[in-house]
Amino acid sequence: MRHALMKTAFISAAVLFAAAGIARADCEGDMFQLEQAMKTPNLSADGKASLDDAAAKATAAMKKDDDTACHQAIADGMSRAGLTLE
């Protein structure tokens, strides 16, 4: 019985760590898309400003480990620039 409990605790911890890694990867993936969006030709000044603002907000959220805010900032900035986050 004790062995099964230890095994269950280990598997639960592994799942939690894996989920945290996936969330960070999503924010990093969003940041990569934002970088690519900044290279868009014929981007308006307002669009560039929206992307710059999104980058600043996303970076601050990433430093706080707030992946939801990071994703939201990038999605909002790209939307205001007329682009979509995939």
Protein backbone atom coordinates (compact mmCIF):
# COMPACT_ATOMS: atom_id res chain seq x y z
CA MET A 1 0.00 0.00 0.00
CA ARG A 2 2.81 2.41 0.88
CA HIS A 3 4.51 1.77 -2.48
CA ALA A 4 1.31 2.60 -4.39
CA LEU A 5 0.91 5.84 -2.46
CA MET A 6 4.50 6.89 -3.22
CA LYS A 7 4.05 6.02 -6.88
CA THR A 8 0.82 8.06 -7.07
CA ALA A 9 2.48 11.06 -5.40
CA PHE A 10 5.42 10.89 -7.81
CA ILE A 11 3.18 10.69 -10.87
CA SER A 12 1.06 13.60 -9.60
CA ALA A 13 4.17 15.75 -9.11
CA ALA A 14 5.44 14.85 -12.57
CA VAL A 15 2.13 15.85 -14.15
CA LEU A 16 2.15 19.22 -12.36
CA PHE A 17 5.71 19.99 -13.47
CA ALA A 18 4.90 18.97 -17.04
CA ALA A 19 1.82 21.20 -17.10
CA ALA A 20 3.87 24.16 -15.87
CA GLY A 21 6.39 23.57 -18.65
CA ILE A 22 3.66 23.45 -21.27
CA ALA A 23 2.20 26.76 -20.05
CA ARG A 24 5.60 28.46 -20.26
CA ALA A 25 6.10 27.03 -23.73
CA ASP A 26 2.79 28.58 -24.81
CA CYS A 27 3.89 32.02 -23.66
CA GLU A 28 7.25 31.60 -25.35
CA GLY A 29 5.50 30.46 -28.53
CA ASP A 30 3.25 33.51 -28.38
CA MET A 31 6.31 35.73 -27.92
CA PHE A 32 7.87 34.16 -31.03
CA GLN A 33 4.70 34.90 -33.02
CA LEU A 34 4.80 38.48 -31.74
CA GLU A 35 8.41 38.82 -32.92
CA GLN A 36 7.44 37.57 -36.35
CA ALA A 37 4.45 39.95 -36.44
CA MET A 38 6.80 42.87 -35.77
CA LYS A 39 8.57 42.02 -39.04
CA THR A 40 5.33 42.39 -41.01
CA PRO A 41 5.90 44.64 -44.02
CA ASN A 42 3.72 47.75 -44.33
CA LEU A 43 2.77 47.71 -40.65
CA SER A 44 1.16 51.01 -39.68
CA ALA A 45 2.62 53.20 -36.94
CA ASP A 46 -0.40 52.41 -34.75
CA GLY A 47 0.05 48.70 -35.42
CA LYS A 48 3.73 48.88 -34.49
CA ALA A 49 2.85 50.78 -31.30
CA SER A 50 0.26 48.12 -30.40
CA LEU A 51 2.83 45.36 -30.87
CA ASP A 52 5.46 47.24 -28.87
CA ASP A 53 2.96 47.75 -26.04
CA ALA A 54 2.01 44.06 -26.17
CA ALA A 55 5.68 43.07 -25.99
CA ALA A 56 6.22 45.17 -22.88
CA LYS A 57 3.12 43.80 -21.14
CA ALA A 58 3.90 40.21 -22.15
CA THR A 59 7.47 40.48 -20.90
CA ALA A 60 6.27 41.79 -17.54
CA ALA A 61 3.72 38.98 -17.30
CA MET A 62 6.32 36.38 -18.23
CA LYS A 63 8.63 37.62 -15.47
CA LYS A 64 5.76 37.10 -13.00
CA ASP A 65 5.07 33.59 -14.41
CA ASP A 66 1.58 34.75 -15.44
CA ASP A 67 1.11 32.84 -18.68
CA THR A 68 -2.54 33.81 -19.03
CA ALA A 69 -1.75 37.54 -18.89
CA CYS A 70 1.16 37.01 -21.28
CA HIS A 71 -1.07 35.30 -23.83
CA GLN A 72 -3.84 37.89 -23.41
CA ALA A 73 -1.46 40.84 -23.87
CA ILE A 74 -0.07 39.39 -27.08
CA ALA A 75 -3.48 38.43 -28.44
CA ASP A 76 -4.86 41.93 -27.71
CA GLY A 77 -1.85 43.70 -29.22
CA MET A 78 -1.92 41.62 -32.37
CA SER A 79 -5.66 42.11 -32.69
CA ARG A 80 -5.27 45.91 -32.43
CA ALA A 81 -2.58 45.69 -35.11
CA GLY A 82 -4.96 43.79 -37.39
CA LEU A 83 -3.15 40.47 -37.00
CA THR A 84 -4.21 37.17 -35.46
CA LEU A 85 -2.43 34.98 -32.93
CA GLU A 86 -2.39 31.37 -34.09
